[in-house]
Amino acid sequence: MCEEFSPVTNKDEFRRWCARMQLDSKQAAHLLGLSLSNVYKYLDEKEQTPIRGMVSTVCELINMLGEEERVAWVRKQLHSNSALSPWPSKRPISHP
């Protein structure tokens, strides 16, 4: 895993991950195949749920890609839905 990324285990880490990936909330949810409300809902759960584990695992798998491969994959995924803003986002999710 890239040293610059921490495992995504809560909302704050998810926001940091999104900021480093230059994603806005709609883009991040699209990459994960979930609604944004579900992403935040399950990351807030104290116990490990299948969706919380999936969000963390998918973020970690994306982190494992080399930079060029990661950029190409993110662009491909985001361009599969033309309703999304172009990547990188001009207004990525910011973390507190």
PDB file of N, CA and C in Angstrom:
ATOM      1  N   MET A   1       0.853  -1.181   0.000  1.00  0.00           N
ATOM      2  CA  MET A   1       0.000   0.000   0.000  1.00  0.00           C
ATOM      3  C   MET A   1       0.890   1.232   0.000  1.00  0.00           C
ATOM      4  N   CYS A   2       0.441   2.268  -0.667  1.00  0.00           N
ATOM      5  CA  CYS A   2       1.200   3.514  -0.701  1.00  0.00           C
ATOM      6  C   CYS A   2       1.302   4.085   0.702  1.00  0.00           C
ATOM      7  N   GLU A   3       2.475   4.581   1.046  1.00  0.00           N
ATOM      8  CA  GLU A   3       2.690   5.121   2.386  1.00  0.00           C
ATOM      9  C   GLU A   3       1.807   6.320   2.691  1.00  0.00           C
ATOM     10  N   GLU A   4       1.452   7.090   1.665  1.00  0.00           N
ATOM     11  CA  GLU A   4       0.699   8.315   1.896  1.00  0.00           C
ATOM     12  C   GLU A   4      -0.750   8.063   2.304  1.00  0.00           C
ATOM     13  N   PHE A   5      -1.244   6.847   2.146  1.00  0.00           N
ATOM     14  CA  PHE A   5      -2.634   6.542   2.453  1.00  0.00           C
ATOM     15  C   PHE A   5      -2.756   5.730   3.728  1.00  0.00           C
ATOM     16  N   SER A   6      -3.719   6.088   4.561  1.00  0.00           N
ATOM     17  CA  SER A   6      -4.047   5.322   5.764  1.00  0.00           C
ATOM     18  C   SER A   6      -5.263   4.471   5.456  1.00  0.00           C
ATOM     19  N   PRO A   7      -5.446   3.364   6.178  1.00  0.00           N
ATOM     20  CA  PRO A   7      -6.656   2.564   5.969  1.00  0.00           C
ATOM     21  C   PRO A   7      -7.904   3.395   6.252  1.00  0.00           C
ATOM     22  N   VAL A   8      -8.935   3.207   5.456  1.00  0.00           N
ATOM     23  CA  VAL A   8     -10.193   3.933   5.626  1.00  0.00           C
ATOM     24  C   VAL A   8     -11.062   3.145   6.593  1.00  0.00           C
ATOM     25  N   THR A   9     -11.183   3.666   7.812  1.00  0.00           N
ATOM     26  CA  THR A   9     -11.960   2.969   8.837  1.00  0.00           C
ATOM     27  C   THR A   9     -13.061   3.836   9.435  1.00  0.00           C
ATOM     28  N   ASN A  10     -13.108   5.110   9.063  1.00  0.00           N
ATOM     29  CA  ASN A  10     -14.151   6.003   9.577  1.00  0.00           C
ATOM     30  C   ASN A  10     -14.344   7.166   8.601  1.00  0.00           C
ATOM     31  N   LYS A  11     -15.301   8.040   8.915  1.00  0.00           N
ATOM     32  CA  LYS A  11     -15.608   9.150   8.003  1.00  0.00           C
ATOM     33  C   LYS A  11     -14.434  10.095   7.807  1.00  0.00           C
ATOM     34  N   ASP A  12     -13.696  10.372   8.873  1.00  0.00           N
ATOM     35  CA  ASP A  12     -12.562  11.292   8.741  1.00  0.00           C
ATOM     36  C   ASP A  12     -11.509  10.734   7.792  1.00  0.00           C
ATOM     37  N   GLU A  13     -11.185   9.437   7.953  1.00  0.00           N
ATOM     38  CA  GLU A  13     -10.212   8.811   7.041  1.00  0.00           C
ATOM     39  C   GLU A  13     -10.746   8.777   5.616  1.00  0.00           C
ATOM     40  N   PHE A  14     -12.045   8.554   5.468  1.00  0.00           N
ATOM     41  CA  PHE A  14     -12.648   8.545   4.130  1.00  0.00           C
ATOM     42  C   PHE A  14     -12.511   9.925   3.489  1.00  0.00           C
ATOM     43  N   ARG A  15     -12.758  10.967   4.252  1.00  0.00           N
ATOM     44  CA  ARG A  15     -12.621  12.330   3.716  1.00  0.00           C
ATOM     45  C   ARG A  15     -11.167  12.630   3.336  1.00  0.00           C
ATOM     46  N   ARG A  16     -10.228  12.178   4.153  1.00  0.00           N
ATOM     47  CA  ARG A  16      -8.805  12.380   3.828  1.00  0.00           C
ATOM     48  C   ARG A  16      -8.446  11.639   2.538  1.00  0.00           C
ATOM     49  N   TRP A  17      -8.948  10.405   2.435  1.00  0.00           N
ATOM     50  CA  TRP A  17      -8.691   9.597   1.245  1.00  0.00           C
ATOM     51  C   TRP A  17      -9.250  10.297   0.007  1.00  0.00           C
ATOM     52  N   CYS A  18     -10.487  10.791   0.104  1.00  0.00           N
ATOM     53  CA  CYS A  18     -11.112  11.501  -1.023  1.00  0.00           C
ATOM     54  C   CYS A  18     -10.308  12.739  -1.407  1.00  0.00           C
ATOM     55  N   ALA A  19      -9.862  13.487  -0.422  1.00  0.00           N
ATOM     56  CA  ALA A  19      -9.080  14.695  -0.703  1.00  0.00           C
ATOM     57  C   ALA A  19      -7.786  14.337  -1.425  1.00  0.00           C
ATOM     58  N   ARG A  20      -7.093  13.288  -0.969  1.00  0.00           N
ATOM     59  CA  ARG A  20      -5.849  12.877  -1.627  1.00  0.00           C
ATOM     60  C   ARG A  20      -6.106  12.339  -3.029  1.00  0.00           C
ATOM     61  N   MET A  21      -7.261  11.709  -3.222  1.00  0.00           N
ATOM     62  CA  MET A  21      -7.610  11.173  -4.539  1.00  0.00           C
ATOM     63  C   MET A  21      -8.230  12.248  -5.435  1.00  0.00           C
ATOM     64  N   GLN A  22      -8.455  13.445  -4.897  1.00  0.00           N
ATOM     65  CA  GLN A  22      -9.059  14.570  -5.619  1.00  0.00           C
ATOM     66  C   GLN A  22     -10.453  14.218  -6.131  1.00  0.00           C
ATOM     67  N   LEU A  23     -11.245  13.611  -5.248  1.00  0.00           N
ATOM     68  CA  LEU A  23     -12.610  13.210  -5.572  1.00  0.00           C
ATOM     69  C   LEU A  23     -13.606  14.049  -4.797  1.00  0.00           C
ATOM     70  N   ASP A  24     -14.755  14.331  -5.407  1.00  0.00           N
ATOM     71  CA  ASP A  24     -15.839  14.920  -4.634  1.00  0.00           C
ATOM     72  C   ASP A  24     -16.732  13.783  -4.137  1.00  0.00           C
ATOM     73  N   SER A  25     -17.740  14.116  -3.366  1.00  0.00           N
ATOM     74  CA  SER A  25     -18.551  13.087  -2.719  1.00  0.00           C
ATOM     75  C   SER A  25     -19.278  12.189  -3.718  1.00  0.00           C
ATOM     76  N   LYS A  26     -19.811  12.753  -4.786  1.00  0.00           N
ATOM     77  CA  LYS A  26     -20.518  11.937  -5.780  1.00  0.00           C
ATOM     78  C   LYS A  26     -19.562  10.997  -6.496  1.00  0.00           C
ATOM     79  N   GLN A  27     -18.378  11.485  -6.805  1.00  0.00           N
ATOM     80  CA  GLN A  27     -17.390  10.650  -7.480  1.00  0.00           C
ATOM     81  C   GLN A  27     -16.951   9.493  -6.589  1.00  0.00           C
ATOM     82  N   ALA A  28     -16.694   9.778  -5.325  1.00  0.00           N
ATOM     83  CA  ALA A  28     -16.253   8.732  -4.400  1.00  0.00           C
ATOM     84  C   ALA A  28     -17.322   7.661  -4.238  1.00  0.00           C
ATOM     85  N   ALA A  29     -18.560   8.075  -4.070  1.00  0.00           N
ATOM     86  CA  ALA A  29     -19.649   7.108  -3.928  1.00  0.00           C
ATOM     87  C   ALA A  29     -19.794   6.280  -5.200  1.00  0.00           C
ATOM     88  N   HIS A  30     -19.643   6.910  -6.361  1.00  0.00           N
ATOM     89  CA  HIS A  30     -19.745   6.187  -7.630  1.00  0.00           C
ATOM     90  C   HIS A  30     -18.650   5.127  -7.740  1.00  0.00           C
ATOM     91  N   LEU A  31     -17.431   5.477  -7.366  1.00  0.00           N
ATOM     92  CA  LEU A  31     -16.337   4.503  -7.414  1.00  0.00           C
ATOM     93  C   LEU A  31     -16.634   3.286  -6.549  1.00  0.00           C
ATOM     94  N   LEU A  32     -17.298   3.516  -5.420  1.00  0.00           N
ATOM     95  CA  LEU A  32     -17.601   2.432  -4.487  1.00  0.00           C
ATOM     96  C   LEU A  32     -18.904   1.717  -4.827  1.00  0.00           C
ATOM     97  N   GLY A  33     -19.661   2.264  -5.757  1.00  0.00           N
ATOM     98  CA  GLY A  33     -20.917   1.639  -6.143  1.00  0.00           C
ATOM     99  C   GLY A  33     -22.001   1.752  -5.087  1.00  0.00           C
ATOM    100  N   LEU A  34     -21.933   2.806  -4.274  1.00  0.00           N
ATOM    101  CA  LEU A  34     -22.902   3.024  -3.199  1.00  0.00           C
ATOM    102  C   LEU A  34     -23.419   4.450  -3.249  1.00  0.00           C
ATOM    103  N   SER A  35     -24.543   4.677  -2.584  1.00  0.00           N
ATOM    104  CA  SER A  35     -24.987   6.056  -2.414  1.00  0.00           C
ATOM    105  C   SER A  35     -24.106   6.689  -1.344  1.00  0.00           C
ATOM    106  N   LEU A  36     -23.942   7.986  -1.411  1.00  0.00           N
ATOM    107  CA  LEU A  36     -23.103   8.670  -0.426  1.00  0.00           C
ATOM    108  C   LEU A  36     -23.655   8.496   0.981  1.00  0.00           C
ATOM    109  N   SER A  37     -24.979   8.519   1.120  1.00  0.00           N
ATOM    110  CA  SER A  37     -25.564   8.344   2.456  1.00  0.00           C
ATOM    111  C   SER A  37     -25.218   6.976   3.027  1.00  0.00           C
ATOM    112  N   ASN A  38     -25.178   5.943   2.189  1.00  0.00           N
ATOM    113  CA  ASN A  38     -24.795   4.616   2.684  1.00  0.00           C
ATOM    114  C   ASN A  38     -23.320   4.558   3.056  1.00  0.00           C
ATOM    115  N   VAL A  39     -22.467   5.212   2.277  1.00  0.00           N
ATOM    116  CA  VAL A  39     -21.040   5.230   2.618  1.00  0.00           C
ATOM    117  C   VAL A  39     -20.862   5.799   4.019  1.00  0.00           C
ATOM    118  N   TYR A  40     -21.433   6.981   4.260  1.00  0.00           N
ATOM    119  CA  TYR A  40     -21.273   7.615   5.565  1.00  0.00           C
ATOM    120  C   TYR A  40     -21.981   6.841   6.667  1.00  0.00           C
ATOM    121  N   LYS A  41     -23.152   6.311   6.381  1.00  0.00           N
ATOM    122  CA  LYS A  41     -23.900   5.551   7.392  1.00  0.00           C
ATOM    123  C   LYS A  41     -23.080   4.362   7.888  1.00  0.00           C
ATOM    124  N   TYR A  42     -22.536   3.589   6.969  1.00  0.00           N
ATOM    125  CA  TYR A  42     -21.830   2.383   7.381  1.00  0.00           C
ATOM    126  C   TYR A  42     -20.439   2.667   7.926  1.00  0.00           C
ATOM    127  N   LEU A  43     -19.806   3.761   7.520  1.00  0.00           N
ATOM    128  CA  LEU A  43     -18.518   4.107   8.120  1.00  0.00           C
ATOM    129  C   LEU A  43     -18.697   4.588   9.553  1.00  0.00           C
ATOM    130  N   ASP A  44     -19.883   5.087   9.886  1.00  0.00           N
ATOM    131  CA  ASP A  44     -20.170   5.535  11.250  1.00  0.00           C
ATOM    132  C   ASP A  44     -20.469   4.389  12.205  1.00  0.00           C
ATOM    133  N   GLU A  45     -20.796   3.216  11.674  1.00  0.00           N
ATOM    134  CA  GLU A  45     -21.132   2.075  12.531  1.00  0.00           C
ATOM    135  C   GLU A  45     -19.926   1.702  13.392  1.00  0.00           C
ATOM    136  N   LYS A  46     -20.188   1.392  14.645  1.00  0.00           N
ATOM    137  CA  LYS A  46     -19.101   0.992  15.552  1.00  0.00           C
ATOM    138  C   LYS A  46     -18.652  -0.438  15.272  1.00  0.00           C
ATOM    139  N   GLU A  47     -19.604  -1.293  14.918  1.00  0.00           N
ATOM    140  CA  GLU A  47     -19.246  -2.683  14.648  1.00  0.00           C
ATOM    141  C   GLU A  47     -18.914  -2.858  13.173  1.00  0.00           C
ATOM    142  N   GLN A  48     -18.175  -3.886  12.883  1.00  0.00           N
ATOM    143  CA  GLN A  48     -17.792  -4.166  11.505  1.00  0.00           C
ATOM    144  C   GLN A  48     -19.001  -4.726  10.755  1.00  0.00           C
ATOM    145  N   THR A  49     -19.408  -4.072   9.693  1.00  0.00           N
ATOM    146  CA  THR A  49     -20.509  -4.545   8.860  1.00  0.00           C
ATOM    147  C   THR A  49     -19.933  -4.901   7.493  1.00  0.00           C
ATOM    148  N   PRO A  50     -20.642  -5.729   6.732  1.00  0.00           N
ATOM    149  CA  PRO A  50     -20.113  -6.078   5.404  1.00  0.00           C
ATOM    150  C   PRO A  50     -19.853  -4.855   4.522  1.00  0.00           C
ATOM    151  N   ILE A  51     -20.736  -3.867   4.563  1.00  0.00           N
ATOM    152  CA  ILE A  51     -20.539  -2.689   3.708  1.00  0.00           C
ATOM    153  C   ILE A  51     -19.372  -1.851   4.209  1.00  0.00           C
ATOM    154  N   ARG A  52     -19.232  -1.708   5.517  1.00  0.00           N
ATOM    155  CA  ARG A  52     -18.094  -0.948   6.059  1.00  0.00           C
ATOM    156  C   ARG A  52     -16.786  -1.619   5.656  1.00  0.00           C
ATOM    157  N   GLY A  53     -16.754  -2.932   5.764  1.00  0.00           N
ATOM    158  CA  GLY A  53     -15.560  -3.669   5.357  1.00  0.00           C
ATOM    159  C   GLY A  53     -15.281  -3.522   3.871  1.00  0.00           C
ATOM    160  N   MET A  54     -16.345  -3.526   3.046  1.00  0.00           N
ATOM    161  CA  MET A  54     -16.171  -3.385   1.614  1.00  0.00           C
ATOM    162  C   MET A  54     -15.615  -2.011   1.255  1.00  0.00           C
ATOM    163  N   VAL A  55     -16.139  -0.961   1.880  1.00  0.00           N
ATOM    164  CA  VAL A  55     -15.644   0.396   1.617  1.00  0.00           C
ATOM    165  C   VAL A  55     -14.155   0.469   1.937  1.00  0.00           C
ATOM    166  N   SER A  56     -13.779  -0.034   3.096  1.00  0.00           N
ATOM    167  CA  SER A  56     -12.376  -0.006   3.510  1.00  0.00           C
ATOM    168  C   SER A  56     -11.502  -0.812   2.550  1.00  0.00           C
ATOM    169  N   THR A  57     -11.975  -1.996   2.169  1.00  0.00           N
ATOM    170  CA  THR A  57     -11.203  -2.866   1.279  1.00  0.00           C
ATOM    171  C   THR A  57     -11.040  -2.254  -0.108  1.00  0.00           C
ATOM    172  N   VAL A  58     -12.108  -1.709  -0.665  1.00  0.00           N
ATOM    173  CA  VAL A  58     -12.026  -1.109  -2.003  1.00  0.00           C
ATOM    174  C   VAL A  58     -11.066   0.079  -1.997  1.00  0.00           C
ATOM    175  N   CYS A  59     -11.157   0.922  -0.982  1.00  0.00           N
ATOM    176  CA  CYS A  59     -10.228   2.060  -0.889  1.00  0.00           C
ATOM    177  C   CYS A  59      -8.788   1.568  -0.809  1.00  0.00           C
ATOM    178  N   GLU A  60      -8.563   0.521  -0.031  1.00  0.00           N
ATOM    179  CA  GLU A  60      -7.207  -0.012   0.103  1.00  0.00           C
ATOM    180  C   GLU A  60      -6.717  -0.621  -1.207  1.00  0.00           C
ATOM    181  N   LEU A  61      -7.593  -1.319  -1.928  1.00  0.00           N
ATOM    182  CA  LEU A  61      -7.200  -1.892  -3.217  1.00  0.00           C
ATOM    183  C   LEU A  61      -6.850  -0.796  -4.222  1.00  0.00           C
ATOM    184  N   ILE A  62      -7.616   0.276  -4.231  1.00  0.00           N
ATOM    185  CA  ILE A  62      -7.308   1.399  -5.118  1.00  0.00           C
ATOM    186  C   ILE A  62      -5.949   1.989  -4.749  1.00  0.00           C
ATOM    187  N   ASN A  63      -5.669   2.069  -3.454  1.00  0.00           N
ATOM    188  CA  ASN A  63      -4.383   2.601  -2.986  1.00  0.00           C
ATOM    189  C   ASN A  63      -3.208   1.760  -3.466  1.00  0.00           C
ATOM    190  N   MET A  64      -3.428   0.460  -3.643  1.00  0.00           N
ATOM    191  CA  MET A  64      -2.338  -0.442  -4.009  1.00  0.00           C
ATOM    192  C   MET A  64      -1.889  -0.270  -5.457  1.00  0.00           C
ATOM    193  N   LEU A  65      -2.711   0.339  -6.277  1.00  0.00           N
ATOM    194  CA  LEU A  65      -2.336   0.567  -7.670  1.00  0.00           C
ATOM    195  C   LEU A  65      -1.240   1.621  -7.744  1.00  0.00           C
ATOM    196  N   GLY A  66      -0.382   1.493  -8.729  1.00  0.00           N
ATOM    197  CA  GLY A  66       0.600   2.537  -8.978  1.00  0.00           C
ATOM    198  C   GLY A  66      -0.118   3.813  -9.395  1.00  0.00           C
ATOM    199  N   GLU A  67       0.547   4.938  -9.286  1.00  0.00           N
ATOM    200  CA  GLU A  67      -0.121   6.218  -9.543  1.00  0.00           C
ATOM    201  C   GLU A  67      -0.750   6.290 -10.933  1.00  0.00           C
ATOM    202  N   GLU A  68      -0.006   5.919 -11.968  1.00  0.00           N
ATOM    203  CA  GLU A  68      -0.548   6.001 -13.329  1.00  0.00           C
ATOM    204  C   GLU A  68      -1.725   5.056 -13.516  1.00  0.00           C
ATOM    205  N   GLU A  69      -1.593   3.851 -12.991  1.00  0.00           N
ATOM    206  CA  GLU A  69      -2.669   2.868 -13.109  1.00  0.00           C
ATOM    207  C   GLU A  69      -3.904   3.321 -12.328  1.00  0.00           C
ATOM    208  N   ARG A  70      -3.676   3.901 -11.156  1.00  0.00           N
ATOM    209  CA  ARG A  70      -4.779   4.401 -10.322  1.00  0.00           C
ATOM    210  C   ARG A  70      -5.522   5.529 -11.038  1.00  0.00           C
ATOM    211  N   VAL A  71      -4.785   6.472 -11.603  1.00  0.00           N
ATOM    212  CA  VAL A  71      -5.399   7.591 -12.319  1.00  0.00           C
ATOM    213  C   VAL A  71      -6.209   7.069 -13.506  1.00  0.00           C
ATOM    214  N   ALA A  72      -5.640   6.146 -14.270  1.00  0.00           N
ATOM    215  CA  ALA A  72      -6.349   5.596 -15.434  1.00  0.00           C
ATOM    216  C   ALA A  72      -7.622   4.875 -15.006  1.00  0.00           C
ATOM    217  N   TRP A  73      -7.543   4.099 -13.933  1.00  0.00           N
ATOM    218  CA  TRP A  73      -8.718   3.352 -13.459  1.00  0.00           C
ATOM    219  C   TRP A  73      -9.806   4.299 -12.968  1.00  0.00           C
ATOM    220  N   VAL A  74      -9.427   5.302 -12.185  1.00  0.00           N
ATOM    221  CA  VAL A  74     -10.406   6.260 -11.662  1.00  0.00           C
ATOM    222  C   VAL A  74     -11.090   6.987 -12.823  1.00  0.00           C
ATOM    223  N   ARG A  75     -10.308   7.450 -13.782  1.00  0.00           N
ATOM    224  CA  ARG A  75     -10.905   8.146 -14.937  1.00  0.00           C
ATOM    225  C   ARG A  75     -11.876   7.246 -15.686  1.00  0.00           C
ATOM    226  N   LYS A  76     -11.479   6.013 -15.912  1.00  0.00           N
ATOM    227  CA  LYS A  76     -12.343   5.076 -16.639  1.00  0.00           C
ATOM    228  C   LYS A  76     -13.655   4.871 -15.888  1.00  0.00           C
ATOM    229  N   GLN A  77     -13.571   4.665 -14.585  1.00  0.00           N
ATOM    230  CA  GLN A  77     -14.777   4.434 -13.788  1.00  0.00           C
ATOM    231  C   GLN A  77     -15.682   5.654 -13.773  1.00  0.00           C
ATOM    232  N   LEU A  78     -15.102   6.819 -13.623  1.00  0.00           N
ATOM    233  CA  LEU A  78     -15.911   8.031 -13.547  1.00  0.00           C
ATOM    234  C   LEU A  78     -16.507   8.414 -14.894  1.00  0.00           C
ATOM    235  N   HIS A  79     -15.810   8.113 -15.968  1.00  0.00           N
ATOM    236  CA  HIS A  79     -16.348   8.435 -17.289  1.00  0.00           C
ATOM    237  C   HIS A  79     -17.442   7.472 -17.712  1.00  0.00           C
ATOM    238  N   SER A  80     -17.625   6.389 -16.969  1.00  0.00           N
ATOM    239  CA  SER A  80     -18.697   5.447 -17.295  1.00  0.00           C
ATOM    240  C   SER A  80     -20.060   6.028 -16.917  1.00  0.00           C
ATOM    241  N   ASN A  81     -20.080   7.147 -16.194  1.00  0.00           N
ATOM    242  CA  ASN A  81     -21.328   7.823 -15.843  1.00  0.00           C
ATOM    243  C   ASN A  81     -21.157   9.299 -16.175  1.00  0.00           C
ATOM    244  N   SER A  82     -21.727   9.721 -17.282  1.00  0.00           N
ATOM    245  CA  SER A  82     -21.502  11.090 -17.752  1.00  0.00           C
ATOM    246  C   SER A  82     -22.148  12.155 -16.869  1.00  0.00           C
ATOM    247  N   ALA A  83     -22.984  11.746 -15.904  1.00  0.00           N
ATOM    248  CA  ALA A  83     -23.623  12.727 -15.021  1.00  0.00           C
ATOM    249  C   ALA A  83     -22.651  13.277 -13.986  1.00  0.00           C
ATOM    250  N   LEU A  84     -21.504  12.635 -13.840  1.00  0.00           N
ATOM    251  CA  LEU A  84     -20.530  13.076 -12.845  1.00  0.00           C
ATOM    252  C   LEU A  84     -19.634  14.169 -13.419  1.00  0.00           C
ATOM    253  N   SER A  85     -19.108  14.982 -12.535  1.00  0.00           N
ATOM    254  CA  SER A  85     -18.166  16.022 -12.938  1.00  0.00           C
ATOM    255  C   SER A  85     -16.861  15.376 -13.379  1.00  0.00           C
ATOM    256  N   PRO A  86     -16.082  16.029 -14.242  1.00  0.00           N
ATOM    257  CA  PRO A  86     -14.795  15.477 -14.662  1.00  0.00           C
ATOM    258  C   PRO A  86     -13.837  15.335 -13.477  1.00  0.00           C
ATOM    259  N   TRP A  87     -12.944  14.387 -13.585  1.00  0.00           N
ATOM    260  CA  TRP A  87     -11.943  14.147 -12.555  1.00  0.00           C
ATOM    261  C   TRP A  87     -10.630  14.741 -13.046  1.00  0.00           C
ATOM    262  N   PRO A  88      -9.758  15.275 -12.225  1.00  0.00           N
ATOM    263  CA  PRO A  88      -9.927  15.473 -10.784  1.00  0.00           C
ATOM    264  C   PRO A  88     -10.939  16.577 -10.495  1.00  0.00           C
ATOM    265  N   SER A  89     -11.594  16.437  -9.385  1.00  0.00           N
ATOM    266  CA  SER A  89     -12.639  17.380  -9.011  1.00  0.00           C
ATOM    267  C   SER A  89     -12.054  18.747  -8.690  1.00  0.00           C
ATOM    268  N   LYS A  90     -12.757  19.780  -9.089  1.00  0.00           N
ATOM    269  CA  LYS A  90     -12.337  21.132  -8.720  1.00  0.00           C
ATOM    270  C   LYS A  90     -12.669  21.414  -7.267  1.00  0.00           C
ATOM    271  N   ARG A  91     -13.602  20.627  -6.713  1.00  0.00           N
ATOM    272  CA  ARG A  91     -13.994  20.793  -5.310  1.00  0.00           C
ATOM    273  C   ARG A  91     -13.997  19.432  -4.616  1.00  0.00           C
ATOM    274  N   PRO A  92     -12.818  18.823  -4.385  1.00  0.00           N
ATOM    275  CA  PRO A  92     -12.798  17.524  -3.720  1.00  0.00           C
ATOM    276  C   PRO A  92     -13.317  17.630  -2.291  1.00  0.00           C
ATOM    277  N   ILE A  93     -13.712  16.492  -1.750  1.00  0.00           N
ATOM    278  CA  ILE A  93     -14.134  16.460  -0.352  1.00  0.00           C
ATOM    279  C   ILE A  93     -12.963  16.944   0.479  1.00  0.00           C
ATOM    280  N   SER A  94     -13.212  17.833   1.402  1.00  0.00           N
ATOM    281  CA  SER A  94     -12.142  18.260   2.299  1.00  0.00           C
ATOM    282  C   SER A  94     -12.348  17.582   3.637  1.00  0.00           C
ATOM    283  N   HIS A  95     -11.269  17.322   4.299  1.00  0.00           N
ATOM    284  CA  HIS A  95     -11.391  16.700   5.616  1.00  0.00           C
ATOM    285  C   HIS A  95     -11.263  17.771   6.686  1.00  0.00           C
ATOM    286  N   PRO A  96     -11.880  17.520   7.854  1.00  0.00           N
ATOM    287  CA  PRO A  96     -11.868  18.533   8.926  1.00  0.00           C
ATOM    288  C   PRO A  96     -10.485  18.842   9.449  1.00  0.00           C
TER     289      PRO A  96
END
